[in-house]
């Protein structure tokens, strides 16, 4: 029986760990930007319905940053595990 690759064995690990870590870092980034910029440039705080994910609103910017950071961390984790798999199976 052929051994599965690390990527195929850790699909859900990549999704869960990548999104959790990335969204946590995205919230810290969003909070730091909000402390630096303030609420002044945002006309609407965007806390209801679809406005919560609109990057032009106060709350939507933080949510948008969290989603982007989560996706990017999933990609980084997938690249790292694929490189590890290539080294291990070389």
Protein backbone atom coordinates (compact mmCIF):
# COMPACT_ATOMS: atom_id res chain seq x y z
CA UNK A 1 0.00 0.00 0.00
CA UNK A 2 1.30 3.40 -0.97
CA UNK A 3 1.85 6.00 1.74
CA UNK A 4 -0.34 9.11 1.40
CA UNK A 5 1.33 12.49 1.08
CA UNK A 6 1.45 14.87 4.00
CA UNK A 7 -0.78 17.26 2.06
CA UNK A 8 -3.57 14.69 1.65
CA UNK A 9 -3.33 13.58 5.28
CA UNK A 10 -3.44 17.10 6.68
CA UNK A 11 -6.10 18.83 4.57
CA UNK A 12 -8.34 19.71 7.52
CA UNK A 13 -5.35 20.64 9.64
CA UNK A 14 -4.35 23.17 7.00
CA UNK A 15 -7.85 24.65 6.87
CA UNK A 16 -8.47 24.80 10.62
CA UNK A 17 -4.99 25.79 11.81
CA UNK A 18 -4.40 28.19 8.94
CA UNK A 19 -7.70 30.02 9.32
CA UNK A 20 -7.48 30.12 13.13
CA UNK A 21 -3.94 31.48 13.16
CA UNK A 22 -4.47 33.81 10.22
CA UNK A 23 -7.73 35.25 11.48
CA UNK A 24 -6.20 35.80 14.91
CA UNK A 25 -3.32 37.71 13.36
CA UNK A 26 -5.74 39.56 11.08
CA UNK A 27 -7.75 40.76 14.07
CA UNK A 28 -4.59 42.07 15.73
CA UNK A 29 -3.62 43.80 12.47
CA UNK A 30 -7.10 45.30 12.15
CA UNK A 31 -7.06 46.50 15.75
CA UNK A 32 -3.63 48.08 15.30
CA UNK A 33 -4.74 49.86 12.14
CA UNK A 34 -7.90 51.05 13.84
CA UNK A 35 -5.86 52.40 16.78
CA UNK A 36 -3.58 54.20 14.32
CA UNK A 37 -6.25 55.53 11.94
CA UNK A 38 -9.26 55.84 14.21
CA UNK A 39 -12.87 55.76 13.07
CA UNK A 40 -12.67 59.11 11.29
CA UNK A 41 -12.28 57.89 7.68
CA UNK A 42 -15.20 55.44 8.04
CA UNK A 43 -18.69 56.92 7.65
CA UNK A 44 -20.43 53.72 8.76
CA UNK A 45 -19.37 51.27 11.45
CA UNK A 46 -20.83 48.35 9.43
CA UNK A 47 -22.01 45.98 12.10
CA UNK A 48 -25.26 44.68 10.60
CA UNK A 49 -25.79 42.07 7.90
CA UNK A 50 -23.60 42.21 4.81
CA UNK A 51 -22.12 45.55 5.91
CA UNK A 52 -20.05 43.63 8.46
CA UNK A 53 -17.94 42.30 5.56
CA UNK A 54 -17.76 45.46 3.46
CA UNK A 55 -14.11 46.62 3.57
CA UNK A 56 -15.16 50.28 3.35
CA UNK A 57 -16.85 50.16 6.78
CA UNK A 58 -15.16 50.25 10.18
CA UNK A 59 -16.07 46.71 11.26
CA UNK A 60 -15.93 45.36 7.71
CA UNK A 61 -12.28 46.33 7.34
CA UNK A 62 -11.30 44.22 10.34
CA UNK A 63 -13.42 41.26 9.16
CA UNK A 64 -11.97 41.56 5.66
CA UNK A 65 -8.41 41.63 7.04
CA UNK A 66 -9.14 38.55 9.14
CA UNK A 67 -10.44 36.57 6.15
CA UNK A 68 -7.52 37.61 3.94
CA UNK A 69 -4.96 36.72 6.63
CA UNK A 70 -6.69 33.37 7.21
CA UNK A 71 -6.58 32.44 3.52
CA UNK A 72 -2.96 33.52 3.23
CA UNK A 73 -1.93 31.48 6.27
CA UNK A 74 -3.65 28.42 4.75
CA UNK A 75 -1.61 28.93 1.59
CA UNK A 76 1.62 29.37 3.58
CA UNK A 77 0.90 26.22 5.59
CA UNK A 78 0.12 24.23 2.43
CA UNK A 79 3.37 25.35 0.78
CA UNK A 80 5.38 24.52 3.88
CA UNK A 81 3.85 21.05 4.22
CA UNK A 82 4.32 20.29 0.53
CA UNK A 83 8.01 21.24 0.77
CA UNK A 84 8.33 19.10 3.90
CA UNK A 85 6.70 16.19 2.06
CA UNK A 86 9.09 16.59 -0.87
CA UNK A 87 12.11 16.53 1.45
CA UNK A 88 10.81 13.56 3.43
CA UNK A 89 10.03 11.45 0.35
CA UNK A 90 13.16 12.34 -1.60
